Amino acid sequence: MLSLAIALVLGPGDAKIVDLKDGFVRVETPSYSLEVPKGWEVSRETSFGQREMTSNAGKMTAMTAAGGGKQGWEQLYRTSLFFIMREKKGNATPYQISKTKQGYEACSFSILDADGFADRRYVILKNEVQNILALSVKIPERKLEKGLLAQFDRMVRTAKLQ
């Protein structure tokens, strides 16, 4: 447990972790920043731009693509689904386009499990120079939905592309 605490204080090596003193930390990278619950393990960024934030309760991810936003939303949605469905099958909901308080265009959708529960939720943010930040949350059990969605909402609301 001590090593996890040190990792969160020092950061995962390629990101700076800032304790916000309210139960959350800000993950700062050269391409984005966002807030996640304090105590969650924050991974290093992979070679394809993905970072995982995990706890016993669930998993959230962030993935970047410089210039990836030059594609339209329909193409980004279809490309995302190609990779999402390779990981685990489900039924995709139609996407919805909105605008965040930070002024980013956003595309939101979910994947429903066999029981019709949206166990995976996705939000793709696009800035004015067409960089994207894809955010997701995986909800392993319905009883964890409310808490995880509140944490995911904060991650989405606080996400900033650099």
C-alpha atoms as a PDB file:
ATOM      1  CA  MET A   1       0.000   0.000   0.000  1.00  0.00           C
ATOM      2  CA  LEU A   2       2.880   2.339   0.722  1.00  0.00           C
ATOM      3  CA  SER A   3       4.173   1.979  -2.846  1.00  0.00           C
ATOM      4  CA  LEU A   4       0.734   3.005  -4.197  1.00  0.00           C
ATOM      5  CA  ALA A   5       0.726   6.090  -1.973  1.00  0.00           C
ATOM      6  CA  ILE A   6       4.220   7.025  -3.125  1.00  0.00           C
ATOM      7  CA  ALA A   7       3.259   6.479  -6.771  1.00  0.00           C
ATOM      8  CA  LEU A   8       0.290   8.820  -6.388  1.00  0.00           C
ATOM      9  CA  VAL A   9       2.346  11.477  -4.639  1.00  0.00           C
ATOM     10  CA  LEU A  10       5.211  11.285  -7.117  1.00  0.00           C
ATOM     11  CA  GLY A  11       3.044  10.563 -10.147  1.00  0.00           C
ATOM     12  CA  PRO A  12       3.146   7.684 -12.608  1.00  0.00           C
ATOM     13  CA  GLY A  13       6.372   8.948 -14.159  1.00  0.00           C
ATOM     14  CA  ASP A  14       4.995  10.741 -17.201  1.00  0.00           C
ATOM     15  CA  ALA A  15       2.340  12.812 -15.433  1.00  0.00           C
ATOM     16  CA  LYS A  16       2.220  15.146 -12.475  1.00  0.00           C
ATOM     17  CA  ILE A  17      -0.323  14.283  -9.770  1.00  0.00           C
ATOM     18  CA  VAL A  18      -1.616  17.228  -7.724  1.00  0.00           C
ATOM     19  CA  ASP A  19      -3.628  16.576  -4.538  1.00  0.00           C
ATOM     20  CA  LEU A  20      -6.677  18.866  -4.590  1.00  0.00           C
ATOM     21  CA  LYS A  21      -7.396  18.231  -0.876  1.00  0.00           C
ATOM     22  CA  ASP A  22     -11.053  17.397  -1.592  1.00  0.00           C
ATOM     23  CA  GLY A  23     -10.794  13.679  -2.265  1.00  0.00           C
ATOM     24  CA  PHE A  24      -9.577  14.164  -5.852  1.00  0.00           C
ATOM     25  CA  VAL A  25      -6.251  14.623  -7.600  1.00  0.00           C
ATOM     26  CA  ARG A  26      -5.467  16.412 -10.845  1.00  0.00           C
ATOM     27  CA  VAL A  27      -3.517  14.388 -13.396  1.00  0.00           C
ATOM     28  CA  GLU A  28      -1.438  16.807 -15.490  1.00  0.00           C
ATOM     29  CA  THR A  29       0.202  15.636 -18.708  1.00  0.00           C
ATOM     30  CA  PRO A  30       1.734  17.543 -21.617  1.00  0.00           C
ATOM     31  CA  SER A  31      -1.464  17.056 -23.667  1.00  0.00           C
ATOM     32  CA  TYR A  32      -4.294  17.221 -21.089  1.00  0.00           C
ATOM     33  CA  SER A  33      -5.302  17.458 -17.451  1.00  0.00           C
ATOM     34  CA  LEU A  34      -8.256  15.955 -15.596  1.00  0.00           C
ATOM     35  CA  GLU A  35      -9.388  15.115 -12.079  1.00  0.00           C
ATOM     36  CA  VAL A  36      -9.840  11.610 -10.650  1.00  0.00           C
ATOM     37  CA  PRO A  37     -10.556  10.255  -7.170  1.00  0.00           C
ATOM     38  CA  LYS A  38      -7.633  10.312  -4.770  1.00  0.00           C
ATOM     39  CA  GLY A  39      -6.324   6.809  -4.111  1.00  0.00           C
ATOM     40  CA  TRP A  40      -6.993   5.518  -7.613  1.00  0.00           C
ATOM     41  CA  GLU A  41      -3.965   4.046  -9.344  1.00  0.00           C
ATOM     42  CA  VAL A  42      -2.899   6.144 -12.352  1.00  0.00           C
ATOM     43  CA  SER A  43      -0.961   4.242 -15.020  1.00  0.00           C
ATOM     44  CA  ARG A  44       1.746   5.483 -17.333  1.00  0.00           C
ATOM     45  CA  GLU A  45       0.546   6.467 -20.776  1.00  0.00           C
ATOM     46  CA  THR A  46       0.830   3.655 -23.318  1.00  0.00           C
ATOM     47  CA  SER A  47       2.527   4.046 -26.694  1.00  0.00           C
ATOM     48  CA  PHE A  48      -0.908   4.584 -28.265  1.00  0.00           C
ATOM     49  CA  GLY A  49      -1.881   7.404 -25.884  1.00  0.00           C
ATOM     50  CA  GLN A  50      -4.031   5.594 -23.311  1.00  0.00           C
ATOM     51  CA  ARG A  51      -3.879   5.988 -19.537  1.00  0.00           C
ATOM     52  CA  GLU A  52      -5.911   3.974 -17.026  1.00  0.00           C
ATOM     53  CA  MET A  53      -7.174   5.105 -13.643  1.00  0.00           C
ATOM     54  CA  THR A  54      -8.254   2.113 -11.541  1.00  0.00           C
ATOM     55  CA  SER A  55      -9.592   1.224  -8.118  1.00  0.00           C
ATOM     56  CA  ASN A  56     -11.422  -1.717  -6.606  1.00  0.00           C
ATOM     57  CA  ALA A  57     -14.667   0.024  -7.609  1.00  0.00           C
ATOM     58  CA  GLY A  58     -14.019   0.478 -11.327  1.00  0.00           C
ATOM     59  CA  LYS A  59     -11.881   1.782 -14.128  1.00  0.00           C
ATOM     60  CA  MET A  60     -11.696   5.025 -16.060  1.00  0.00           C
ATOM     61  CA  THR A  61      -9.496   5.723 -19.078  1.00  0.00           C
ATOM     62  CA  ALA A  62      -8.222   8.692 -21.034  1.00  0.00           C
ATOM     63  CA  MET A  63      -6.851   8.450 -24.561  1.00  0.00           C
ATOM     64  CA  THR A  64      -5.506  11.205 -26.792  1.00  0.00           C
ATOM     65  CA  ALA A  65      -5.222  11.649 -30.529  1.00  0.00           C
ATOM     66  CA  ALA A  66      -3.512  14.754 -31.887  1.00  0.00           C
ATOM     67  CA  GLY A  67      -5.376  15.858 -34.987  1.00  0.00           C
ATOM     68  CA  GLY A  68      -7.808  12.943 -34.641  1.00  0.00           C
ATOM     69  CA  GLY A  69     -10.696  15.377 -34.527  1.00  0.00           C
ATOM     70  CA  LYS A  70     -10.330  16.158 -38.223  1.00  0.00           C
ATOM     71  CA  GLN A  71     -12.650  13.210 -38.745  1.00  0.00           C
ATOM     72  CA  GLY A  72     -16.347  13.922 -38.355  1.00  0.00           C
ATOM     73  CA  TRP A  73     -18.242  12.645 -35.332  1.00  0.00           C
ATOM     74  CA  GLU A  74     -19.802   9.763 -37.263  1.00  0.00           C
ATOM     75  CA  GLN A  75     -16.347   8.486 -38.282  1.00  0.00           C
ATOM     76  CA  LEU A  76     -14.906   8.960 -34.773  1.00  0.00           C
ATOM     77  CA  TYR A  77     -17.880   7.069 -33.333  1.00  0.00           C
ATOM     78  CA  ARG A  78     -17.509   4.178 -35.789  1.00  0.00           C
ATOM     79  CA  THR A  79     -13.729   4.009 -35.267  1.00  0.00           C
ATOM     80  CA  SER A  80     -14.224   4.009 -31.490  1.00  0.00           C
ATOM     81  CA  LEU A  81     -16.820   1.245 -31.708  1.00  0.00           C
ATOM     82  CA  PHE A  82     -14.473  -0.888 -33.798  1.00  0.00           C
ATOM     83  CA  PHE A  83     -11.950  -1.004 -30.945  1.00  0.00           C
ATOM     84  CA  ILE A  84     -14.500  -1.007 -28.110  1.00  0.00           C
ATOM     85  CA  MET A  85     -16.361  -4.026 -29.484  1.00  0.00           C
ATOM     86  CA  ARG A  86     -13.110  -5.963 -29.980  1.00  0.00           C
ATOM     87  CA  GLU A  87     -12.556  -5.724 -26.239  1.00  0.00           C
ATOM     88  CA  LYS A  88     -16.070  -6.837 -25.231  1.00  0.00           C
ATOM     89  CA  LYS A  89     -19.320  -7.153 -27.166  1.00  0.00           C
ATOM     90  CA  GLY A  90     -22.416  -5.107 -26.339  1.00  0.00           C
ATOM     91  CA  ASN A  91     -25.037  -2.864 -27.906  1.00  0.00           C
ATOM     92  CA  ALA A  92     -23.967   0.695 -28.661  1.00  0.00           C
ATOM     93  CA  THR A  93     -26.357   3.560 -28.057  1.00  0.00           C
ATOM     94  CA  PRO A  94     -26.565   6.333 -30.658  1.00  0.00           C
ATOM     95  CA  TYR A  95     -24.121   9.136 -29.980  1.00  0.00           C
ATOM     96  CA  GLN A  96     -25.148  12.589 -28.787  1.00  0.00           C
ATOM     97  CA  ILE A  97     -23.271  15.801 -29.577  1.00  0.00           C
ATOM     98  CA  SER A  98     -23.038  18.595 -27.011  1.00  0.00           C
ATOM     99  CA  LYS A  99     -20.773  21.425 -25.906  1.00  0.00           C
ATOM    100  CA  THR A 100     -18.929  21.428 -22.558  1.00  0.00           C
ATOM    101  CA  LYS A 101     -18.591  24.386 -20.208  1.00  0.00           C
ATOM    102  CA  GLN A 102     -14.942  24.634 -21.338  1.00  0.00           C
ATOM    103  CA  GLY A 103     -16.203  25.105 -24.911  1.00  0.00           C
ATOM    104  CA  TYR A 104     -15.219  21.688 -26.281  1.00  0.00           C
ATOM    105  CA  GLU A 105     -17.437  19.795 -28.672  1.00  0.00           C
ATOM    106  CA  ALA A 106     -18.359  16.477 -27.060  1.00  0.00           C
ATOM    107  CA  CYS A 107     -19.677  13.167 -28.346  1.00  0.00           C
ATOM    108  CA  SER A 108     -21.260  10.843 -25.747  1.00  0.00           C
ATOM    109  CA  PHE A 109     -22.463   7.260 -26.020  1.00  0.00           C
ATOM    110  CA  SER A 110     -22.733   4.047 -24.006  1.00  0.00           C
ATOM    111  CA  ILE A 111     -22.437   0.319 -24.487  1.00  0.00           C
ATOM    112  CA  LEU A 112     -25.266  -1.781 -23.073  1.00  0.00           C
ATOM    113  CA  ASP A 113     -24.637  -5.257 -21.694  1.00  0.00           C
ATOM    114  CA  ALA A 114     -26.928  -8.251 -22.351  1.00  0.00           C
ATOM    115  CA  ASP A 115     -29.312  -7.017 -19.611  1.00  0.00           C
ATOM    116  CA  GLY A 116     -29.566  -3.522 -21.132  1.00  0.00           C
ATOM    117  CA  PHE A 117     -27.349  -1.890 -18.483  1.00  0.00           C
ATOM    118  CA  ALA A 118     -24.911   0.779 -19.722  1.00  0.00           C
ATOM    119  CA  ASP A 119     -21.813  -0.764 -18.155  1.00  0.00           C
ATOM    120  CA  ARG A 120     -19.418   1.288 -20.325  1.00  0.00           C
ATOM    121  CA  ARG A 121     -19.805   5.030 -20.931  1.00  0.00           C
ATOM    122  CA  TYR A 122     -17.770   7.206 -23.294  1.00  0.00           C
ATOM    123  CA  VAL A 123     -17.236  10.914 -23.929  1.00  0.00           C
ATOM    124  CA  ILE A 124     -14.956  12.196 -26.690  1.00  0.00           C
ATOM    125  CA  LEU A 125     -13.856  15.835 -26.416  1.00  0.00           C
ATOM    126  CA  LYS A 126     -12.567  17.827 -29.376  1.00  0.00           C
ATOM    127  CA  ASN A 127     -10.790  21.199 -29.119  1.00  0.00           C
ATOM    128  CA  GLU A 128     -10.487  24.013 -31.672  1.00  0.00           C
ATOM    129  CA  VAL A 129      -7.305  22.564 -33.211  1.00  0.00           C
ATOM    130  CA  GLN A 130      -8.954  19.153 -33.686  1.00  0.00           C
ATOM    131  CA  ASN A 131      -7.135  17.279 -30.906  1.00  0.00           C
ATOM    132  CA  ILE A 132      -9.326  14.755 -29.119  1.00  0.00           C
ATOM    133  CA  LEU A 133      -9.463  13.312 -25.630  1.00  0.00           C
ATOM    134  CA  ALA A 134     -11.554  10.148 -25.310  1.00  0.00           C
ATOM    135  CA  LEU A 135     -12.733   9.408 -21.764  1.00  0.00           C
ATOM    136  CA  SER A 136     -14.467   6.280 -20.502  1.00  0.00           C
ATOM    137  CA  VAL A 137     -15.739   4.583 -17.381  1.00  0.00           C
ATOM    138  CA  LYS A 138     -16.394   0.875 -16.883  1.00  0.00           C
ATOM    139  CA  ILE A 139     -19.006  -0.006 -14.278  1.00  0.00           C
ATOM    140  CA  PRO A 140     -18.565  -3.601 -13.071  1.00  0.00           C
ATOM    141  CA  GLU A 141     -21.791  -3.738 -10.995  1.00  0.00           C
ATOM    142  CA  ARG A 142     -25.054  -1.773 -11.042  1.00  0.00           C
ATOM    143  CA  LYS A 143     -24.726  -0.983  -7.330  1.00  0.00           C
ATOM    144  CA  LEU A 144     -21.551   1.009  -8.116  1.00  0.00           C
ATOM    145  CA  GLU A 145     -23.164   3.044 -10.912  1.00  0.00           C
ATOM    146  CA  LYS A 146     -24.136   6.176  -8.972  1.00  0.00           C
ATOM    147  CA  GLY A 147     -20.719   6.683  -7.374  1.00  0.00           C
ATOM    148  CA  LEU A 148     -18.735   5.900 -10.521  1.00  0.00           C
ATOM    149  CA  LEU A 149     -20.894   8.166 -12.683  1.00  0.00           C
ATOM    150  CA  ALA A 150     -20.367  11.066 -10.265  1.00  0.00           C
ATOM    151  CA  GLN A 151     -16.607  10.495 -10.423  1.00  0.00           C
ATOM    152  CA  PHE A 152     -16.677  10.153 -14.216  1.00  0.00           C
ATOM    153  CA  ASP A 153     -18.755  13.324 -14.512  1.00  0.00           C
ATOM    154  CA  ARG A 154     -16.095  15.217 -12.552  1.00  0.00           C
ATOM    155  CA  MET A 155     -13.363  13.779 -14.782  1.00  0.00           C
ATOM    156  CA  VAL A 156     -15.254  14.928 -17.898  1.00  0.00           C
ATOM    157  CA  ARG A 157     -16.133  18.368 -16.455  1.00  0.00           C
ATOM    158  CA  THR A 158     -12.536  19.074 -15.432  1.00  0.00           C
ATOM    159  CA  ALA A 159     -10.793  17.673 -18.523  1.00  0.00           C
ATOM    160  CA  LYS A 160      -8.700  20.249 -20.380  1.00  0.00           C
ATOM    161  CA  LEU A 161      -6.791  19.716 -23.578  1.00  0.00           C
ATOM    162  CA  GLN A 162      -3.428  21.556 -23.589  1.00  0.00           C
END
